Amino acid sequence: MSRAARSRHRFAGHIAGVGSSSGVRVVVGHWPRSPLGSFTDVMVAEADGTRVLLAPDPDVADFVARTYRFDRVVIAPVTAQVSRRAWRVEGPELSLRLDLGRRTPLGRLLRLVPRPLATAPWWSGLTDPVARVVLRGVRTRGSAGHGRREFYGATDLHAVTGLSGRWRGEDLGTLAPVAPEPGFGFGSTPERPSVTAVTTTVEVPAASGRVPDSGA
């Protein structure tokens, strides 16, 4: 499909990716600025590989499910209290606390890149080969299918140092690497638990989904 037949939608916020000793892996997207307004969504990969999306409303569920891959979608309130030291995330059958550490060396490098450059889709094409080598499993551009393309522009990175919480009534245990790769999309969050500041650009075929044109 030609570029003229596509529209671009930009989501600015943070992605937290963590593993747990229970085998459950969790990816939280906290998006203060997006075409869908401010929202938080959660992707859960259970120990047996089942992929679950927790979305706060039907519009978010529709857009995210058309962009990534899930076995089950749950629409219910999802909330996040976010600070520099900790995240508290609540959703259907999920209660999660993440403790944040210092900015990583890679985070310091990312902050040296001017934001307009770091978040430009064409820049993601240049950084993708580097990301594959520096952060195993991480991609900065690609597609999970559905005719959509994604570009990730990271601008900061902090380590996650602690985890506690419950999923479907079971204790998550302690913090662990995000392994195996959860399989939501074309790439993964870093294997080391972390919070990434990111602008995600999703390129959508015309007439796909119900998201208004973001003008990006």
C-alpha atoms as a PDB file:
ATOM      1  CA  MET A   1       0.000   0.000   0.000  1.00  0.00           C
ATOM      2  CA  SER A   2       1.333   3.429  -0.882  1.00  0.00           C
ATOM      3  CA  ARG A   3       2.472   5.908   1.711  1.00  0.00           C
ATOM      4  CA  ALA A   4      -0.298   8.295   0.572  1.00  0.00           C
ATOM      5  CA  ALA A   5      -2.867   5.685   1.678  1.00  0.00           C
ATOM      6  CA  ARG A   6      -1.585   5.705   5.271  1.00  0.00           C
ATOM      7  CA  SER A   7      -1.967   7.947   8.305  1.00  0.00           C
ATOM      8  CA  ARG A   8       0.365   8.344  11.291  1.00  0.00           C
ATOM      9  CA  HIS A   9      -0.594   8.448  14.957  1.00  0.00           C
ATOM     10  CA  ARG A  10       1.872   9.381  17.717  1.00  0.00           C
ATOM     11  CA  PHE A  11       1.783   8.190  21.321  1.00  0.00           C
ATOM     12  CA  ALA A  12       4.143   9.911  23.789  1.00  0.00           C
ATOM     13  CA  GLY A  13       4.815   8.430  27.208  1.00  0.00           C
ATOM     14  CA  HIS A  14       6.610   5.570  28.928  1.00  0.00           C
ATOM     15  CA  ILE A  15       6.793   1.796  28.589  1.00  0.00           C
ATOM     16  CA  ALA A  16       7.637  -0.370  31.603  1.00  0.00           C
ATOM     17  CA  GLY A  17       8.696  -3.954  30.889  1.00  0.00           C
ATOM     18  CA  VAL A  18       9.283  -6.466  33.682  1.00  0.00           C
ATOM     19  CA  GLY A  19       9.491 -10.176  34.287  1.00  0.00           C
ATOM     20  CA  SER A  20       8.678 -12.008  37.505  1.00  0.00           C
ATOM     21  CA  SER A  21       9.762 -15.184  39.267  1.00  0.00           C
ATOM     22  CA  SER A  22       6.225 -16.543  38.695  1.00  0.00           C
ATOM     23  CA  GLY A  23       6.905 -16.558  34.950  1.00  0.00           C
ATOM     24  CA  VAL A  24       4.429 -13.752  34.246  1.00  0.00           C
ATOM     25  CA  ARG A  25       5.807 -10.900  32.147  1.00  0.00           C
ATOM     26  CA  VAL A  26       4.148  -7.481  32.145  1.00  0.00           C
ATOM     27  CA  VAL A  27       4.460  -4.524  29.776  1.00  0.00           C
ATOM     28  CA  VAL A  28       2.731  -1.308  30.871  1.00  0.00           C
ATOM     29  CA  GLY A  29       2.180   1.566  28.466  1.00  0.00           C
ATOM     30  CA  HIS A  30       1.487   4.917  30.136  1.00  0.00           C
ATOM     31  CA  TRP A  31       0.502   7.486  27.497  1.00  0.00           C
ATOM     32  CA  PRO A  32      -0.251  11.041  28.715  1.00  0.00           C
ATOM     33  CA  ARG A  33      -0.350  12.310  25.093  1.00  0.00           C
ATOM     34  CA  SER A  34      -2.033  10.351  22.320  1.00  0.00           C
ATOM     35  CA  PRO A  35      -4.816  10.578  19.717  1.00  0.00           C
ATOM     36  CA  LEU A  36      -6.913   8.545  22.183  1.00  0.00           C
ATOM     37  CA  GLY A  37      -6.291  10.942  25.059  1.00  0.00           C
ATOM     38  CA  SER A  38      -4.373  10.059  28.208  1.00  0.00           C
ATOM     39  CA  PHE A  39      -4.529   6.352  29.089  1.00  0.00           C
ATOM     40  CA  THR A  40      -2.679   3.348  30.483  1.00  0.00           C
ATOM     41  CA  ASP A  41      -2.822  -0.148  29.010  1.00  0.00           C
ATOM     42  CA  VAL A  42      -1.209  -3.385  30.132  1.00  0.00           C
ATOM     43  CA  MET A  43       0.030  -6.384  28.160  1.00  0.00           C
ATOM     44  CA  VAL A  44       0.431  -9.555  30.225  1.00  0.00           C
ATOM     45  CA  ALA A  45       2.209 -12.709  29.058  1.00  0.00           C
ATOM     46  CA  GLU A  46       1.320 -15.569  31.370  1.00  0.00           C
ATOM     47  CA  ALA A  47       3.758 -18.348  32.245  1.00  0.00           C
ATOM     48  CA  ASP A  48       2.185 -20.636  29.625  1.00  0.00           C
ATOM     49  CA  GLY A  49       2.559 -17.971  26.910  1.00  0.00           C
ATOM     50  CA  THR A  50      -1.057 -16.716  26.864  1.00  0.00           C
ATOM     51  CA  ARG A  51      -1.055 -13.031  25.895  1.00  0.00           C
ATOM     52  CA  VAL A  52      -3.655 -10.777  27.527  1.00  0.00           C
ATOM     53  CA  LEU A  53      -4.436  -7.115  26.841  1.00  0.00           C
ATOM     54  CA  LEU A  54      -5.947  -4.980  29.618  1.00  0.00           C
ATOM     55  CA  ALA A  55      -7.464  -1.857  28.050  1.00  0.00           C
ATOM     56  CA  PRO A  56      -9.441   0.937  29.738  1.00  0.00           C
ATOM     57  CA  ASP A  57     -12.035   1.411  26.981  1.00  0.00           C
ATOM     58  CA  PRO A  58     -13.172  -0.051  23.637  1.00  0.00           C
ATOM     59  CA  ASP A  59     -11.291   2.497  21.495  1.00  0.00           C
ATOM     60  CA  VAL A  60      -7.965   1.717  23.162  1.00  0.00           C
ATOM     61  CA  ALA A  61      -8.675  -2.015  23.013  1.00  0.00           C
ATOM     62  CA  ASP A  62      -9.506  -1.809  19.302  1.00  0.00           C
ATOM     63  CA  PHE A  63      -6.428   0.190  18.347  1.00  0.00           C
ATOM     64  CA  VAL A  64      -3.932  -1.802  20.425  1.00  0.00           C
ATOM     65  CA  ALA A  65      -5.387  -5.190  19.427  1.00  0.00           C
ATOM     66  CA  ARG A  66      -5.127  -4.180  15.759  1.00  0.00           C
ATOM     67  CA  THR A  67      -1.449  -3.260  16.275  1.00  0.00           C
ATOM     68  CA  TYR A  68      -0.169  -6.135  18.435  1.00  0.00           C
ATOM     69  CA  ARG A  69      -1.016  -9.815  19.033  1.00  0.00           C
ATOM     70  CA  PHE A  70      -3.169 -11.140  21.896  1.00  0.00           C
ATOM     71  CA  ASP A  71      -5.084 -14.268  22.829  1.00  0.00           C
ATOM     72  CA  ARG A  72      -7.520 -12.404  25.069  1.00  0.00           C
ATOM     73  CA  VAL A  73      -8.661  -8.788  25.495  1.00  0.00           C
ATOM     74  CA  VAL A  74     -10.184  -7.457  28.729  1.00  0.00           C
ATOM     75  CA  ILE A  75     -11.842  -4.024  28.773  1.00  0.00           C
ATOM     76  CA  ALA A  76     -12.006  -2.523  32.272  1.00  0.00           C
ATOM     77  CA  PRO A  77     -10.533   0.456  34.176  1.00  0.00           C
ATOM     78  CA  VAL A  78      -6.717   0.560  34.206  1.00  0.00           C
ATOM     79  CA  THR A  79      -4.954   3.193  36.331  1.00  0.00           C
ATOM     80  CA  ALA A  80      -1.347   4.162  36.971  1.00  0.00           C
ATOM     81  CA  GLN A  81       0.285   6.365  39.565  1.00  0.00           C
ATOM     82  CA  VAL A  82       3.690   7.262  38.159  1.00  0.00           C
ATOM     83  CA  SER A  83       6.631   8.976  39.834  1.00  0.00           C
ATOM     84  CA  ARG A  84      10.407   8.952  39.448  1.00  0.00           C
ATOM     85  CA  ARG A  85      10.749   6.372  42.189  1.00  0.00           C
ATOM     86  CA  ALA A  86       7.795   4.036  41.714  1.00  0.00           C
ATOM     87  CA  TRP A  87       4.851   3.004  39.552  1.00  0.00           C
ATOM     88  CA  ARG A  88       1.577   1.670  40.946  1.00  0.00           C
ATOM     89  CA  VAL A  89      -0.652   0.017  38.357  1.00  0.00           C
ATOM     90  CA  GLU A  90      -4.145  -1.343  38.965  1.00  0.00           C
ATOM     91  CA  GLY A  91      -6.288  -3.194  36.442  1.00  0.00           C
ATOM     92  CA  PRO A  92      -8.673  -6.135  36.128  1.00  0.00           C
ATOM     93  CA  GLU A  93      -7.135  -8.940  38.212  1.00  0.00           C
ATOM     94  CA  LEU A  94      -3.826  -7.018  38.334  1.00  0.00           C
ATOM     95  CA  SER A  95      -2.106  -5.124  41.135  1.00  0.00           C
ATOM     96  CA  LEU A  96       1.484  -4.080  40.446  1.00  0.00           C
ATOM     97  CA  ARG A  97       4.168  -1.968  42.077  1.00  0.00           C
ATOM     98  CA  LEU A  98       7.466  -1.220  40.373  1.00  0.00           C
ATOM     99  CA  ASP A  99      10.445   0.412  42.096  1.00  0.00           C
ATOM    100  CA  LEU A 100      12.625   2.522  39.803  1.00  0.00           C
ATOM    101  CA  GLY A 101      16.363   2.964  39.974  1.00  0.00           C
ATOM    102  CA  ARG A 102      18.760   5.403  38.391  1.00  0.00           C
ATOM    103  CA  ARG A 103      19.048   6.336  34.752  1.00  0.00           C
ATOM    104  CA  THR A 104      21.124   3.726  32.932  1.00  0.00           C
ATOM    105  CA  PRO A 105      24.252   4.545  30.886  1.00  0.00           C
ATOM    106  CA  LEU A 106      22.175   4.010  27.732  1.00  0.00           C
ATOM    107  CA  GLY A 107      19.571   6.384  29.122  1.00  0.00           C
ATOM    108  CA  ARG A 108      22.241   9.060  29.494  1.00  0.00           C
ATOM    109  CA  LEU A 109      23.238   8.556  25.854  1.00  0.00           C
ATOM    110  CA  LEU A 110      19.628   8.729  24.684  1.00  0.00           C
ATOM    111  CA  ARG A 111      19.183  12.073  26.416  1.00  0.00           C
ATOM    112  CA  LEU A 112      22.009  13.537  24.331  1.00  0.00           C
ATOM    113  CA  VAL A 113      19.953  13.150  21.134  1.00  0.00           C
ATOM    114  CA  PRO A 114      17.661  16.146  20.463  1.00  0.00           C
ATOM    115  CA  ARG A 115      14.051  15.059  21.013  1.00  0.00           C
ATOM    116  CA  PRO A 116      12.769  16.088  17.535  1.00  0.00           C
ATOM    117  CA  LEU A 117      15.456  13.879  16.019  1.00  0.00           C
ATOM    118  CA  ALA A 118      15.077  10.984  18.452  1.00  0.00           C
ATOM    119  CA  THR A 119      11.317  10.725  17.856  1.00  0.00           C
ATOM    120  CA  ALA A 120      11.402  11.045  14.039  1.00  0.00           C
ATOM    121  CA  PRO A 121      10.358   7.784  12.288  1.00  0.00           C
ATOM    122  CA  TRP A 122      13.292   7.960   9.866  1.00  0.00           C
ATOM    123  CA  TRP A 123      15.708   8.077  12.813  1.00  0.00           C
ATOM    124  CA  SER A 124      14.192   4.806  14.092  1.00  0.00           C
ATOM    125  CA  GLY A 125      15.312   3.224  10.834  1.00  0.00           C
ATOM    126  CA  LEU A 126      18.899   4.243  11.546  1.00  0.00           C
ATOM    127  CA  THR A 127      18.874   3.105  15.174  1.00  0.00           C
ATOM    128  CA  ASP A 128      17.209  -0.274  14.582  1.00  0.00           C
ATOM    129  CA  PRO A 129      20.431  -2.187  13.685  1.00  0.00           C
ATOM    130  CA  VAL A 130      22.157  -0.728  16.747  1.00  0.00           C
ATOM    131  CA  ALA A 131      19.259  -1.577  19.078  1.00  0.00           C
ATOM    132  CA  ARG A 132      19.322  -5.217  17.968  1.00  0.00           C
ATOM    133  CA  VAL A 133      22.963  -5.500  19.053  1.00  0.00           C
ATOM    134  CA  VAL A 134      22.929  -3.376  22.224  1.00  0.00           C
ATOM    135  CA  LEU A 135      19.595  -4.633  23.616  1.00  0.00           C
ATOM    136  CA  ARG A 136      18.848  -8.229  22.666  1.00  0.00           C
ATOM    137  CA  GLY A 137      15.355  -8.627  21.194  1.00  0.00           C
ATOM    138  CA  VAL A 138      14.707  -4.880  20.945  1.00  0.00           C
ATOM    139  CA  ARG A 139      13.653  -3.342  17.634  1.00  0.00           C
ATOM    140  CA  THR A 140      12.915   0.308  16.898  1.00  0.00           C
ATOM    141  CA  ARG A 141      10.873  -0.268  13.755  1.00  0.00           C
ATOM    142  CA  GLY A 142       8.816  -3.092  12.308  1.00  0.00           C
ATOM    143  CA  SER A 143       5.334  -4.575  12.173  1.00  0.00           C
ATOM    144  CA  ALA A 144       3.283  -7.072  14.150  1.00  0.00           C
ATOM    145  CA  GLY A 145       1.018  -7.503  11.139  1.00  0.00           C
ATOM    146  CA  HIS A 146      -2.469  -6.117  10.484  1.00  0.00           C
ATOM    147  CA  GLY A 147      -0.973  -3.873   7.777  1.00  0.00           C
ATOM    148  CA  ARG A 148       0.496  -1.500  10.366  1.00  0.00           C
ATOM    149  CA  ARG A 149       4.067  -0.242  10.849  1.00  0.00           C
ATOM    150  CA  GLU A 150       5.578   1.062  14.071  1.00  0.00           C
ATOM    151  CA  PHE A 151       8.503   3.330  14.902  1.00  0.00           C
ATOM    152  CA  TYR A 152       9.895   3.676  18.438  1.00  0.00           C
ATOM    153  CA  GLY A 153      11.836   6.779  19.422  1.00  0.00           C
ATOM    154  CA  ALA A 154      13.385   6.274  22.872  1.00  0.00           C
ATOM    155  CA  THR A 155      14.589   9.343  24.796  1.00  0.00           C
ATOM    156  CA  ASP A 156      15.446   7.953  28.254  1.00  0.00           C
ATOM    157  CA  LEU A 157      15.863   4.667  30.153  1.00  0.00           C
ATOM    158  CA  HIS A 158      15.700   3.819  33.853  1.00  0.00           C
ATOM    159  CA  ALA A 159      16.245   0.461  35.504  1.00  0.00           C
ATOM    160  CA  VAL A 160      13.451  -1.204  37.458  1.00  0.00           C
ATOM    161  CA  THR A 161      14.894  -2.454  40.754  1.00  0.00           C
ATOM    162  CA  GLY A 162      11.910  -4.107  42.427  1.00  0.00           C
ATOM    163  CA  LEU A 163       8.501  -5.637  41.763  1.00  0.00           C
ATOM    164  CA  SER A 164       5.565  -6.758  43.865  1.00  0.00           C
ATOM    165  CA  GLY A 165       1.962  -7.539  43.084  1.00  0.00           C
ATOM    166  CA  ARG A 166      -0.634 -10.080  42.068  1.00  0.00           C
ATOM    167  CA  TRP A 167      -2.138 -11.382  38.812  1.00  0.00           C
ATOM    168  CA  ARG A 168      -5.411 -13.325  38.799  1.00  0.00           C
ATOM    169  CA  GLY A 169      -5.139 -13.907  42.528  1.00  0.00           C
ATOM    170  CA  GLU A 170      -1.589 -15.266  42.463  1.00  0.00           C
ATOM    171  CA  ASP A 171       1.519 -13.551  43.813  1.00  0.00           C
ATOM    172  CA  LEU A 172       3.865 -12.422  41.041  1.00  0.00           C
ATOM    173  CA  GLY A 173       6.929 -13.148  43.129  1.00  0.00           C
ATOM    174  CA  THR A 174      10.105 -11.162  42.675  1.00  0.00           C
ATOM    175  CA  LEU A 175      11.648  -9.213  39.825  1.00  0.00           C
ATOM    176  CA  ALA A 176      13.145 -11.246  36.967  1.00  0.00           C
ATOM    177  CA  PRO A 177      14.336 -10.681  33.392  1.00  0.00           C
ATOM    178  CA  VAL A 178      11.711 -10.262  30.665  1.00  0.00           C
ATOM    179  CA  ALA A 179      12.305 -13.783  29.336  1.00  0.00           C
ATOM    180  CA  PRO A 180      11.224 -15.540  27.282  1.00  0.00           C
ATOM    181  CA  GLU A 181      10.284 -12.695  24.940  1.00  0.00           C
ATOM    182  CA  PRO A 182       6.503 -12.206  25.405  1.00  0.00           C
ATOM    183  CA  GLY A 183       5.611 -12.089  21.713  1.00  0.00           C
ATOM    184  CA  PHE A 184       3.217  -9.155  21.608  1.00  0.00           C
ATOM    185  CA  GLY A 185       4.786  -7.571  18.535  1.00  0.00           C
ATOM    186  CA  PHE A 186       7.769  -7.485  16.217  1.00  0.00           C
ATOM    187  CA  GLY A 187      10.195  -6.717  19.056  1.00  0.00           C
ATOM    188  CA  SER A 188      10.409  -6.809  22.819  1.00  0.00           C
ATOM    189  CA  THR A 189      11.148  -4.489  25.693  1.00  0.00           C
ATOM    190  CA  PRO A 190      14.738  -4.846  26.988  1.00  0.00           C
ATOM    191  CA  GLU A 191      15.356  -8.164  28.744  1.00  0.00           C
ATOM    192  CA  ARG A 192      16.578  -6.195  31.752  1.00  0.00           C
ATOM    193  CA  PRO A 193      13.485  -4.767  33.545  1.00  0.00           C
ATOM    194  CA  SER A 194      13.266  -1.084  32.722  1.00  0.00           C
ATOM    195  CA  VAL A 195      11.139   1.973  32.055  1.00  0.00           C
ATOM    196  CA  THR A 196      11.693   3.660  28.697  1.00  0.00           C
ATOM    197  CA  ALA A 197      10.580   7.162  27.757  1.00  0.00           C
ATOM    198  CA  VAL A 198       9.360   6.800  24.202  1.00  0.00           C
ATOM    199  CA  THR A 199       7.360   8.297  21.369  1.00  0.00           C
ATOM    200  CA  THR A 200       5.674   5.566  19.355  1.00  0.00           C
ATOM    201  CA  THR A 201       4.508   6.348  15.826  1.00  0.00           C
ATOM    202  CA  VAL A 202       1.989   3.910  14.367  1.00  0.00           C
ATOM    203  CA  GLU A 203       1.456   4.054  10.612  1.00  0.00           C
ATOM    204  CA  VAL A 204      -2.031   2.827   9.758  1.00  0.00           C
ATOM    205  CA  PRO A 205      -3.596   1.977   6.392  1.00  0.00           C
ATOM    206  CA  ALA A 206      -6.388   4.401   5.499  1.00  0.00           C
ATOM    207  CA  ALA A 207      -9.805   3.347   6.860  1.00  0.00           C
ATOM    208  CA  SER A 208      -8.163   1.024   9.428  1.00  0.00           C
ATOM    209  CA  GLY A 209      -9.351   1.466  13.001  1.00  0.00           C
ATOM    210  CA  ARG A 210     -11.380   4.317  14.502  1.00  0.00           C
ATOM    211  CA  VAL A 211      -8.605   6.619  15.686  1.00  0.00           C
ATOM    212  CA  PRO A 212      -8.920  10.261  14.582  1.00  0.00           C
ATOM    213  CA  ASP A 213      -6.073  11.712  12.531  1.00  0.00           C
ATOM    214  CA  SER A 214      -3.389  12.915  14.947  1.00  0.00           C
ATOM    215  CA  GLY A 215      -1.889  15.305  12.427  1.00  0.00           C
ATOM    216  CA  ALA A 216       1.593  13.863  13.012  1.00  0.00           C
END
